[in-house]
Amino acid sequence: MDQRSSPPKTLLVTGGAGFIGGNFVLSAVSDGLRVVNLDKLTYAGNLETLAALRNHPQHSFVQGDIGDRAAVQALLREFRPDAIINFAAESHVDRSIEGPAAFVQTNVTGTLGLLECARDYWRSLEGEARAGFRFLHVSTDEVYGSLSDQGAFTERTPYAPNSPYAASKAASDHLVRAFHHTYGLPTLTTNCSNNYGPFQFPEKLIPLVIQKALSGDAVPVYGEGLNVRDWLFVGDHCKAIYRVLAAGRVGETYNVGGNAERRNIDVVRSICTLLDQRSPLPGGASRESLITFVKDRPGHDWRYAIDASKLHGELGWSPSETFESGIATTVDWYLSNQPWVSRVLDGSYRLERIGA
């Protein structure tokens, strides 16, 4: 196993005002790490997520683009991080159907710029600093394409992306692999299943359903709701990333899954039940009556499932949350944090459907 000589103390985190990145930054600072947080603050980046770190001495936020080489180089010179963790990405399939060019710009061209800066910075290091440096790239299971009713994605599954989003992430994964094999850059890649939990932008399935159902609005479900996803609680994902950063083998990929396959319709029904218990509709009507089946997404992948046995076997990670515990925690968080949701929705997104 390719163990680091010492744990990282300073991280450059890109996309750290987004959903997964924001949760990771909050956790890392809480654990005593110094975090330099670079985020462009597009529609999905939200400084409200980082409100608890306002004026925190261990957190420095910088608004900027991972493709801005001069800005990234300046941050690397000033803060001398022990690792770079790349969360920065355009990440919504429906948005990639509407406008694929932005996904190529950020996920491919932007990642390339970040990799070139990381390579040059790593080459400038000496001794333990050079030996311990890592570039960890956070990716998705969607690069593998779609599964039938059987089987699961492993790290050896051939790439077969089916959406512009997935194709752009696949390209970024290949660039990370190439920079390790061509230049020796000490990279790590994680490919995760569908995340959910606190601070998720409410265009994704779970927070969208929570908001629609809470308001008594129609709850849209693509097709017949039979598409299957493996659901991963974001806190478990953050722990997996830190474990890979601390002890993962350089040049390797690790799949991260929640062991929680569910059909979309069953996820929606679970949320409706939890909301009925916690915040009943007037008259006691069931929120399942709000479910409305709508025309399916173009090219909608049938099923994703992750085999995370490599991560468990090599690094001892496994998810702490079941789907039942994680979804209850998530619903409770959104009920307790409606002001956060309201401020997010003050922007351009209004829970409308996109990518039709």
Protein backbone atom coordinates (compact mmCIF):
# COMPACT_ATOMS: atom_id res chain seq x y z
CA MET A 1 0.00 0.00 0.00
CA ASP A 2 1.25 3.46 -0.93
CA GLN A 3 1.09 5.10 2.50
CA ARG A 4 1.81 8.80 2.90
CA SER A 5 4.76 9.68 5.11
CA SER A 6 2.54 12.04 7.12
CA PRO A 7 -1.10 13.16 6.99
CA PRO A 8 -1.88 16.24 4.89
CA LYS A 9 -2.19 19.50 6.77
CA THR A 10 -3.14 21.92 4.00
CA LEU A 11 -5.53 21.14 1.15
CA LEU A 12 -6.45 23.02 -1.99
CA VAL A 13 -10.08 22.03 -2.57
CA THR A 14 -11.71 23.02 -5.85
CA GLY A 15 -15.49 23.25 -6.05
CA GLY A 16 -15.63 23.52 -2.27
CA ALA A 17 -18.80 25.62 -2.22
CA GLY A 18 -20.80 22.94 -4.00
CA PHE A 19 -22.72 20.05 -2.48
CA ILE A 20 -20.11 17.32 -1.98
CA GLY A 21 -17.19 19.73 -1.88
CA GLY A 22 -18.90 21.92 0.71
CA ASN A 23 -19.63 18.96 2.96
CA PHE A 24 -16.02 17.84 2.61
CA VAL A 25 -14.65 21.30 3.45
CA LEU A 26 -16.83 21.58 6.55
CA SER A 27 -15.62 18.17 7.71
CA ALA A 28 -11.96 18.81 6.92
CA VAL A 29 -11.83 22.14 8.78
CA SER A 30 -13.66 20.54 11.71
CA ASP A 31 -10.90 17.89 11.75
CA GLY A 32 -8.22 20.58 12.00
CA LEU A 33 -7.03 20.81 8.41
CA ARG A 34 -6.18 24.04 6.64
CA VAL A 35 -8.39 24.38 3.55
CA VAL A 36 -7.94 26.74 0.62
CA ASN A 37 -11.28 26.66 -1.18
CA LEU A 38 -11.41 27.63 -4.87
CA ASP A 39 -14.90 27.83 -6.36
CA LYS A 40 -16.27 29.71 -9.36
CA LEU A 41 -19.67 30.13 -7.65
CA THR A 42 -21.81 29.09 -10.58
CA TYR A 43 -25.50 28.31 -9.93
CA ALA A 44 -24.62 25.26 -7.77
CA GLY A 45 -21.93 26.97 -5.70
CA ASN A 46 -23.31 28.56 -2.57
CA LEU A 47 -21.41 30.41 0.14
CA GLU A 48 -24.35 29.85 2.50
CA THR A 49 -23.17 26.24 2.71
CA LEU A 50 -19.93 27.53 4.25
CA ALA A 51 -21.55 30.02 6.65
CA ALA A 52 -20.20 28.12 9.67
CA LEU A 53 -16.65 28.84 8.43
CA ARG A 54 -17.06 32.58 8.01
CA ASN A 55 -13.86 34.22 9.36
CA HIS A 56 -12.49 30.81 10.37
CA PRO A 57 -8.67 30.98 10.46
CA GLN A 58 -8.33 27.51 8.87
CA HIS A 59 -10.47 28.30 5.83
CA SER A 60 -9.63 30.63 2.94
CA PHE A 61 -12.24 31.06 0.22
CA VAL A 62 -11.21 32.28 -3.24
CA GLN A 63 -13.68 32.81 -6.06
CA GLY A 64 -12.13 31.60 -9.27
CA ASP A 65 -12.00 29.10 -12.11
CA ILE A 66 -9.91 25.91 -12.10
CA GLY A 67 -9.05 26.72 -15.72
CA ASP A 68 -7.45 30.04 -14.72
CA ARG A 69 -3.84 28.89 -14.61
CA ALA A 70 -2.48 32.15 -13.24
CA ALA A 71 -4.93 32.13 -10.32
CA VAL A 72 -4.26 28.47 -9.50
CA GLN A 73 -0.50 28.95 -9.69
CA ALA A 74 -0.74 31.93 -7.34
CA LEU A 75 -2.69 29.87 -4.78
CA LEU A 76 -0.20 27.03 -4.97
CA ARG A 77 2.72 29.41 -4.42
CA GLU A 78 1.05 31.17 -1.51
CA PHE A 79 -0.46 28.26 0.43
CA ARG A 80 1.85 25.32 -0.50
CA PRO A 81 -0.83 22.61 -0.16
CA ASP A 82 -0.02 18.97 0.59
CA ALA A 83 -2.81 17.84 -1.73
CA ILE A 84 -5.32 19.05 -4.29
CA ILE A 85 -8.84 17.59 -4.22
CA ASN A 86 -10.81 18.33 -7.37
CA PHE A 87 -14.57 18.48 -6.85
CA ALA A 88 -15.06 21.29 -9.37
CA ALA A 89 -17.45 20.18 -12.10
CA GLU A 90 -20.63 20.88 -13.94
CA SER A 91 -22.59 17.93 -12.62
CA HIS A 92 -26.22 17.73 -13.70
CA VAL A 93 -27.26 15.43 -16.56
CA ASP A 94 -30.30 17.50 -17.51
CA ARG A 95 -28.20 20.67 -17.75
CA SER A 96 -25.69 18.84 -19.94
CA ILE A 97 -28.51 17.96 -22.34
CA GLU A 98 -29.48 21.64 -22.52
CA GLY A 99 -25.92 22.96 -22.92
CA PRO A 100 -23.05 20.47 -23.26
CA ALA A 101 -20.39 23.08 -24.08
CA ALA A 102 -20.20 24.34 -20.48
CA PHE A 103 -19.54 20.79 -19.31
CA VAL A 104 -16.63 20.35 -21.71
CA GLN A 105 -15.24 23.74 -20.71
CA THR A 106 -15.22 23.06 -16.96
CA ASN A 107 -14.88 19.29 -16.70
CA VAL A 108 -12.37 18.77 -19.51
CA THR A 109 -10.55 22.01 -20.28
CA GLY A 110 -10.70 23.20 -16.68
CA THR A 111 -9.41 19.91 -15.31
CA LEU A 112 -6.58 19.96 -17.85
CA GLY A 113 -5.50 23.41 -16.65
CA LEU A 114 -5.63 22.31 -13.03
CA LEU A 115 -3.58 19.19 -13.80
CA GLU A 116 -0.90 21.21 -15.57
CA CYS A 117 -0.61 23.55 -12.60
CA ALA A 118 -0.51 20.60 -10.19
CA ARG A 119 2.21 18.89 -12.22
CA ASP A 120 4.40 21.97 -12.29
CA TYR A 121 3.87 22.62 -8.57
CA TRP A 122 4.64 18.99 -7.67
CA ARG A 123 7.85 19.12 -9.72
CA SER A 124 8.95 22.17 -7.69
CA LEU A 125 8.64 20.27 -4.37
CA GLU A 126 11.45 18.39 -2.69
CA GLY A 127 11.89 15.57 -0.20
CA GLU A 128 8.89 14.59 1.94
CA ALA A 129 6.73 17.35 0.45
CA ARG A 130 7.17 15.89 -3.02
CA ALA A 131 6.77 12.28 -1.88
CA GLY A 132 3.61 13.05 0.07
CA PHE A 133 1.82 15.25 -2.46
CA ARG A 134 -1.43 13.90 -3.96
CA PHE A 135 -3.91 15.01 -6.63
CA LEU A 136 -7.29 13.42 -5.89
CA HIS A 137 -9.93 13.64 -8.62
CA VAL A 138 -13.56 13.10 -7.63
CA SER A 139 -15.64 11.52 -10.39
CA THR A 140 -18.85 9.59 -10.96
CA ASP A 141 -20.14 6.11 -11.74
CA GLU A 142 -21.92 7.54 -14.77
CA VAL A 143 -18.70 7.23 -16.78
CA TYR A 144 -19.36 3.47 -16.90
CA GLY A 145 -22.69 3.82 -18.69
CA SER A 146 -25.74 1.78 -17.80
CA LEU A 147 -26.32 -1.65 -16.25
CA SER A 148 -29.02 -4.22 -16.83
CA ASP A 149 -30.82 -5.74 -13.84
CA GLN A 150 -27.69 -7.65 -12.79
CA GLY A 151 -24.07 -6.87 -11.98
CA ALA A 152 -22.22 -3.84 -10.63
CA PHE A 153 -19.55 -1.42 -11.78
CA THR A 154 -16.00 -2.26 -10.74
CA GLU A 155 -12.81 -0.30 -11.31
CA ARG A 156 -12.22 -2.55 -14.35
CA THR A 157 -15.56 -1.79 -16.03
CA PRO A 158 -14.98 -0.24 -19.49
CA TYR A 159 -16.06 3.36 -19.86
CA ALA A 160 -19.27 3.88 -21.85
CA PRO A 161 -20.69 7.32 -20.98
CA ASN A 162 -24.17 8.03 -22.31
CA SER A 163 -24.80 11.71 -21.50
CA PRO A 164 -22.74 14.82 -22.28
CA TYR A 165 -22.11 15.14 -18.53
CA ALA A 166 -20.84 11.57 -18.24
CA ALA A 167 -18.71 11.97 -21.37
CA SER A 168 -17.07 15.10 -19.97
CA LYS A 169 -16.30 13.36 -16.66
CA ALA A 170 -14.92 10.34 -18.52
CA ALA A 171 -12.60 12.65 -20.44
CA SER A 172 -11.40 14.26 -17.20
CA ASP A 173 -10.76 10.82 -15.67
CA HIS A 174 -8.66 9.87 -18.68
CA LEU A 175 -6.64 13.08 -18.38
CA VAL A 176 -5.91 12.34 -14.71
CA ARG A 177 -4.77 8.82 -15.62
CA ALA A 178 -2.61 10.19 -18.43
CA PHE A 179 -0.91 12.75 -16.18
CA HIS A 180 0.05 9.97 -13.78
CA HIS A 181 1.39 7.65 -16.46
CA THR A 182 3.03 10.33 -18.59
CA TYR A 183 4.43 12.71 -15.98
CA GLY A 184 4.42 10.63 -12.80
CA LEU A 185 1.99 13.01 -11.06
CA PRO A 186 0.77 11.15 -7.92
CA THR A 187 -2.94 10.96 -8.70
CA LEU A 188 -5.91 9.20 -7.15
CA THR A 189 -9.42 8.92 -8.62
CA THR A 190 -12.71 8.11 -6.93
CA ASN A 191 -15.88 7.21 -8.83
CA CYS A 192 -18.97 7.53 -6.66
CA SER A 193 -22.61 6.58 -6.88
CA ASN A 194 -25.50 9.05 -6.42
CA ASN A 195 -24.91 11.28 -3.41
CA TYR A 196 -27.58 12.80 -1.19
CA GLY A 197 -27.65 14.68 2.10
CA PRO A 198 -27.44 18.22 3.53
CA PHE A 199 -26.73 21.22 1.28
CA GLN A 200 -27.61 19.52 -2.02
CA PHE A 201 -28.77 21.93 -4.72
CA PRO A 202 -32.51 21.40 -5.15
CA GLU A 203 -32.48 20.41 -8.82
CA LYS A 204 -31.36 16.86 -7.91
CA LEU A 205 -33.96 14.19 -7.25
CA ILE A 206 -34.04 13.97 -3.45
CA PRO A 207 -34.02 17.67 -2.51
CA LEU A 208 -36.33 18.47 -5.42
CA VAL A 209 -38.86 15.91 -4.22
CA ILE A 210 -38.56 17.17 -0.63
CA GLN A 211 -39.29 20.75 -1.69
CA LYS A 212 -42.12 19.88 -4.07
CA ALA A 213 -43.80 17.50 -1.61
CA LEU A 214 -43.34 19.86 1.32
CA SER A 215 -45.12 22.62 -0.61
CA GLY A 216 -47.93 20.29 -1.73
CA ASP A 217 -46.93 20.67 -5.39
CA ALA A 218 -46.92 17.93 -8.02
CA VAL A 219 -43.88 15.66 -7.59
CA PRO A 220 -42.48 14.80 -11.05
CA VAL A 221 -41.03 11.33 -11.64
CA TYR A 222 -39.38 10.41 -14.95
CA GLY A 223 -41.00 7.58 -16.92
CA GLU A 224 -42.43 5.00 -14.54
CA GLY A 225 -39.80 5.68 -11.85
CA LEU A 226 -38.21 2.25 -12.30
CA ASN A 227 -34.64 3.43 -12.97
CA VAL A 228 -32.30 2.22 -10.23
CA ARG A 229 -29.52 4.11 -8.48
CA ASP A 230 -27.09 3.21 -5.69
CA TRP A 231 -27.53 5.94 -3.06
CA LEU A 232 -24.55 7.20 -1.04
CA PHE A 233 -24.91 9.52 1.95
CA VAL A 234 -22.59 12.49 1.42
CA GLY A 235 -20.96 12.17 4.86
CA ASP A 236 -19.92 8.61 4.04
CA HIS A 237 -18.55 9.79 0.71
CA CYS A 238 -16.44 12.47 2.41
CA LYS A 239 -14.96 9.87 4.77
CA ALA A 240 -14.12 7.66 1.79
CA ILE A 241 -12.34 10.52 0.02
CA TYR A 242 -10.25 11.29 3.06
CA ARG A 243 -9.39 7.61 3.47
CA VAL A 244 -8.27 7.37 -0.16
CA LEU A 245 -6.25 10.57 0.23
CA ALA A 246 -4.55 9.23 3.35
CA ALA A 247 -3.78 5.68 2.24
CA GLY A 248 -4.79 5.04 -1.38
CA ARG A 249 -2.29 3.60 -3.83
CA VAL A 250 -0.95 6.24 -6.20
CA GLY A 251 -2.35 5.95 -9.71
CA GLU A 252 -5.33 3.86 -8.60
CA THR A 253 -9.08 4.32 -8.92
CA TYR A 254 -11.49 3.50 -6.09
CA ASN A 255 -15.24 3.09 -6.52
CA VAL A 256 -17.39 4.49 -3.70
CA GLY A 257 -20.93 3.18 -3.27
CA GLY A 258 -23.60 3.26 -0.60
CA ASN A 259 -24.78 -0.36 -0.84
CA ALA A 260 -28.26 1.10 -1.20
CA GLU A 261 -29.84 0.35 -4.56
CA ARG A 262 -33.33 1.80 -4.87
CA ARG A 263 -35.76 2.46 -7.70
CA ASN A 264 -36.48 6.15 -8.14
CA ILE A 265 -40.15 5.66 -7.36
CA ASP A 266 -39.28 3.96 -4.07
CA VAL A 267 -37.00 6.84 -3.12
CA VAL A 268 -39.82 9.28 -3.83
CA ARG A 269 -42.33 7.26 -1.82
CA SER A 270 -39.91 7.08 1.13
CA ILE A 271 -39.63 10.86 1.15
CA CYS A 272 -43.40 11.29 0.95
CA THR A 273 -43.87 8.97 3.93
CA LEU A 274 -41.26 10.76 6.03
CA LEU A 275 -42.78 14.15 5.27
CA ASP A 276 -46.29 12.90 6.05
CA GLN A 277 -45.01 11.80 9.45
CA ARG A 278 -43.14 15.03 10.20
CA SER A 279 -45.21 17.73 8.49
CA PRO A 280 -48.69 16.42 7.54
CA LEU A 281 -50.63 18.08 4.76
CA PRO A 282 -53.90 19.83 5.73
CA GLY A 283 -56.58 17.19 6.06
CA GLY A 284 -54.00 14.44 6.41
CA ALA A 285 -53.77 13.64 2.67
CA SER A 286 -50.93 11.34 1.63
CA ARG A 287 -48.16 13.01 -0.34
CA GLU A 288 -47.96 9.96 -2.60
CA SER A 289 -51.04 11.42 -4.29
CA LEU A 290 -48.78 14.25 -5.53
CA ILE A 291 -46.60 11.90 -7.60
CA THR A 292 -46.90 12.74 -11.30
CA PHE A 293 -45.19 10.65 -13.96
CA VAL A 294 -43.62 12.76 -16.71
CA LYS A 295 -41.90 12.08 -20.02
CA ASP A 296 -38.58 10.33 -19.43
CA ARG A 297 -35.21 12.02 -19.74
CA PRO A 298 -33.55 11.48 -23.16
CA GLY A 299 -31.10 8.57 -22.98
CA HIS A 300 -31.94 7.87 -19.34
CA ASP A 301 -29.55 5.19 -18.00
CA TRP A 302 -31.45 2.23 -16.61
CA ARG A 303 -29.40 1.25 -13.59
CA TYR A 304 -26.20 2.12 -11.72
CA ALA A 305 -24.67 -0.04 -9.01
CA ILE A 306 -21.22 0.19 -7.43
CA ASP A 307 -18.98 -2.62 -6.26
CA ALA A 308 -16.88 -0.90 -3.56
CA SER A 309 -15.08 -4.06 -2.43
CA LYS A 310 -11.67 -2.70 -3.47
CA LEU A 311 -12.10 0.34 -1.22
CA HIS A 312 -13.31 -1.86 1.63
CA GLY A 313 -10.65 -4.53 1.20
CA GLU A 314 -7.64 -2.23 0.76
CA LEU A 315 -8.57 0.73 2.94
CA GLY A 316 -11.22 -0.60 5.32
CA TRP A 317 -13.96 1.83 4.30
CA SER A 318 -17.64 0.97 4.26
CA PRO A 319 -20.71 3.22 4.50
CA SER A 320 -21.99 4.01 7.99
CA GLU A 321 -25.47 5.06 6.90
CA THR A 322 -28.19 2.82 5.57
CA PHE A 323 -30.54 4.38 3.07
CA GLU A 324 -33.24 4.49 5.73
CA SER A 325 -31.09 6.35 8.25
CA GLY A 326 -29.55 8.63 5.64
CA ILE A 327 -32.81 9.68 4.01
CA ALA A 328 -34.39 10.40 7.40
CA THR A 329 -31.41 12.57 8.33
CA THR A 330 -31.65 14.35 4.99
CA VAL A 331 -35.38 15.07 5.24
CA ASP A 332 -34.90 16.37 8.80
CA TRP A 333 -32.06 18.63 7.64
CA TYR A 334 -34.15 20.21 4.89
CA LEU A 335 -37.08 20.72 7.25
CA SER A 336 -34.76 22.48 9.70
CA ASN A 337 -32.97 24.54 7.05
CA GLN A 338 -35.68 26.05 4.88
CA PRO A 339 -34.01 29.50 5.03
CA TRP A 340 -30.96 27.95 3.30
CA VAL A 341 -33.22 26.53 0.57
CA SER A 342 -35.00 29.86 0.15
CA ARG A 343 -31.72 31.70 -0.30
CA VAL A 344 -30.55 29.11 -2.85
CA LEU A 345 -33.78 29.52 -4.80
CA ASP A 346 -33.38 33.30 -4.85
CA GLY A 347 -31.07 32.68 -7.84
CA SER A 348 -32.01 31.65 -11.37
CA TYR A 349 -33.28 28.16 -10.55
CA ARG A 350 -36.96 27.81 -9.62
CA LEU A 351 -37.43 24.02 -9.47
CA GLU A 352 -38.45 23.95 -13.13
CA ARG A 353 -37.67 21.00 -15.35
CA ILE A 354 -34.67 21.31 -17.66
CA GLY A 355 -33.11 18.93 -20.17
CA ALA A 356 -36.40 17.69 -21.59
